[in-house]
C-alpha atoms as a PDB file:
ATOM      1  CA  MET A   1     118.726  15.569 168.153  1.00  0.00           C
ATOM      2  CA  ALA A   2     119.714  15.135 171.754  1.00  0.00           C
ATOM      3  CA  ALA A   3     120.071  11.727 173.353  1.00  0.00           C
ATOM      4  CA  ASP A   4     118.305  12.732 176.577  1.00  0.00           C
ATOM      5  CA  PRO A   5     114.535  12.033 176.278  1.00  0.00           C
ATOM      6  CA  ARG A   6     113.653  15.344 177.947  1.00  0.00           C
ATOM      7  CA  ALA A   7     115.931  17.267 175.622  1.00  0.00           C
ATOM      8  CA  ARG A   8     114.450  15.445 172.649  1.00  0.00           C
ATOM      9  CA  ARG A   9     110.919  16.228 173.810  1.00  0.00           C
ATOM     10  CA  ASP A  10     111.892  19.882 174.286  1.00  0.00           C
ATOM     11  CA  ALA A  11     113.410  19.979 170.803  1.00  0.00           C
ATOM     12  CA  VAL A  12     110.208  18.557 169.323  1.00  0.00           C
ATOM     13  CA  THR A  13     108.172  21.168 171.211  1.00  0.00           C
ATOM     14  CA  VAL A  14     110.370  23.952 169.855  1.00  0.00           C
ATOM     15  CA  GLU A  15     110.067  22.637 166.295  1.00  0.00           C
ATOM     16  CA  ILE A  16     106.273  22.385 166.532  1.00  0.00           C
ATOM     17  CA  SER A  17     106.077  25.906 167.947  1.00  0.00           C
ATOM     18  CA  TYR A  18     108.355  27.174 165.187  1.00  0.00           C
ATOM     19  CA  ALA A  19     106.154  25.501 162.565  1.00  0.00           C
ATOM     20  CA  ALA A  20     103.029  27.121 164.015  1.00  0.00           C
ATOM     21  CA  VAL A  21     104.515  30.597 164.393  1.00  0.00           C
ATOM     22  CA  SER A  22     106.259  30.693 161.019  1.00  0.00           C
ATOM     23  CA  GLY A  23     103.113  29.327 159.374  1.00  0.00           C
ATOM     24  CA  ALA A  24     101.005  32.027 161.005  1.00  0.00           C
ATOM     25  CA  LEU A  25     103.419  34.759 159.935  1.00  0.00           C
ATOM     26  CA  LEU A  26     103.477  33.464 156.372  1.00  0.00           C
ATOM     27  CA  ALA A  27      99.672  33.274 156.343  1.00  0.00           C
ATOM     28  CA  ALA A  28      99.416  36.882 157.548  1.00  0.00           C
ATOM     29  CA  LEU A  29     101.899  38.020 154.908  1.00  0.00           C
ATOM     30  CA  VAL A  30      99.986  36.240 152.135  1.00  0.00           C
ATOM     31  CA  TYR A  31      96.643  37.580 153.363  1.00  0.00           C
ATOM     32  CA  PHE A  32      97.809  41.181 153.497  1.00  0.00           C
ATOM     33  CA  ALA A  33      99.616  40.915 150.163  1.00  0.00           C
ATOM     34  CA  VAL A  34      96.377  39.840 148.471  1.00  0.00           C
ATOM     35  CA  VAL A  35      94.090  42.246 150.344  1.00  0.00           C
ATOM     36  CA  ALA A  36      96.382  45.295 150.036  1.00  0.00           C
ATOM     37  CA  PRO A  37      95.030  46.347 146.620  1.00  0.00           C
ATOM     38  CA  THR A  38      91.617  46.909 148.202  1.00  0.00           C
ATOM     39  CA  TRP A  39      93.202  49.590 150.387  1.00  0.00           C
ATOM     40  CA  VAL A  40      95.565  51.072 147.813  1.00  0.00           C
ATOM     41  CA  TRP A  41      92.954  51.487 145.080  1.00  0.00           C
ATOM     42  CA  ASP A  42      90.015  51.848 147.456  1.00  0.00           C
ATOM     43  CA  LEU A  43      88.162  48.907 145.969  1.00  0.00           C
ATOM     44  CA  SER A  44      84.768  48.181 147.388  1.00  0.00           C
ATOM     45  CA  GLY A  45      81.822  45.912 146.913  1.00  0.00           C
ATOM     46  CA  GLY A  46      82.166  42.608 145.132  1.00  0.00           C
ATOM     47  CA  THR A  47      85.814  42.992 144.150  1.00  0.00           C
ATOM     48  CA  ALA A  48      86.922  43.587 147.724  1.00  0.00           C
ATOM     49  CA  GLY A  49      84.843  40.657 148.926  1.00  0.00           C
ATOM     50  CA  VAL A  50      86.328  38.334 146.335  1.00  0.00           C
ATOM     51  CA  LEU A  51      89.868  39.436 147.166  1.00  0.00           C
ATOM     52  CA  LYS A  52      89.244  38.882 150.875  1.00  0.00           C
ATOM     53  CA  ALA A  53      87.851  35.406 150.222  1.00  0.00           C
ATOM     54  CA  VAL A  54      90.771  34.501 147.962  1.00  0.00           C
ATOM     55  CA  ALA A  55      93.198  35.918 150.534  1.00  0.00           C
ATOM     56  CA  SER A  56      91.651  33.801 153.286  1.00  0.00           C
ATOM     57  CA  VAL A  57      91.948  30.617 151.241  1.00  0.00           C
ATOM     58  CA  LEU A  58      95.505  31.353 150.158  1.00  0.00           C
ATOM     59  CA  ALA A  59      96.519  32.244 153.719  1.00  0.00           C
ATOM     60  CA  ALA A  60      95.103  28.963 155.025  1.00  0.00           C
ATOM     61  CA  LEU A  61      96.928  27.031 152.306  1.00  0.00           C
ATOM     62  CA  ALA A  62     100.174  28.871 153.029  1.00  0.00           C
ATOM     63  CA  PHE A  63      99.882  28.081 156.733  1.00  0.00           C
ATOM     64  CA  ALA A  64      99.131  24.425 156.086  1.00  0.00           C
ATOM     65  CA  ALA A  65     101.946  24.058 153.556  1.00  0.00           C
ATOM     66  CA  ARG A  66     104.538  25.729 155.794  1.00  0.00           C
ATOM     67  CA  ALA A  67     103.552  23.806 158.927  1.00  0.00           C
ATOM     68  CA  ALA A  68     103.332  20.488 157.060  1.00  0.00           C
ATOM     69  CA  THR A  69     106.719  20.997 155.421  1.00  0.00           C
ATOM     70  CA  LEU A  70     108.414  21.707 158.732  1.00  0.00           C
ATOM     71  CA  LEU A  71     106.679  18.862 160.557  1.00  0.00           C
ATOM     72  CA  VAL A  72     107.508  16.357 157.815  1.00  0.00           C
ATOM     73  CA  ARG A  73     111.128  17.483 158.003  1.00  0.00           C
ATOM     74  CA  LEU A  74     111.003  17.016 161.783  1.00  0.00           C
ATOM     75  CA  GLY A  75     109.593  13.511 161.372  1.00  0.00           C
ATOM     76  CA  THR A  76     112.337  12.626 158.901  1.00  0.00           C
ATOM     77  CA  THR A  77     114.970  13.950 161.285  1.00  0.00           C
ATOM     78  CA  LEU A  78     113.515  11.985 164.189  1.00  0.00           C
ATOM     79  CA  LYS A  79     113.432   8.778 162.140  1.00  0.00           C
ATOM     80  CA  SER A  80     117.009   9.168 160.987  1.00  0.00           C
ATOM     81  CA  THR A  81     118.146   9.933 164.524  1.00  0.00           C
ATOM     82  CA  ALA A  82     116.334   6.874 165.878  1.00  0.00           C
ATOM     83  CA  ALA A  83     117.850   4.674 163.144  1.00  0.00           C
ATOM     84  CA  ARG A  84     121.383   5.715 164.162  1.00  0.00           C
ATOM     85  CA  ARG A  85     120.875   4.494 167.711  1.00  0.00           C
END
């Protein structure tokens, strides 16, 4: 990380933005991967509803896991950088 406080703050902002965007993209990918069979096989009714509910839960978990992983890594990096000073 940069020594300048503004550069460090900017780097943290970029990392947080990256965590949010990559988490959102992963969530969308997971959602559409689970819901796609409802379109391919023209499922309807209860099966489609269950798949959509499962897809929503899995997408939320994927987002949370991706964002948390990146933010924990950022925190570890910041701590190790601060310890070297």
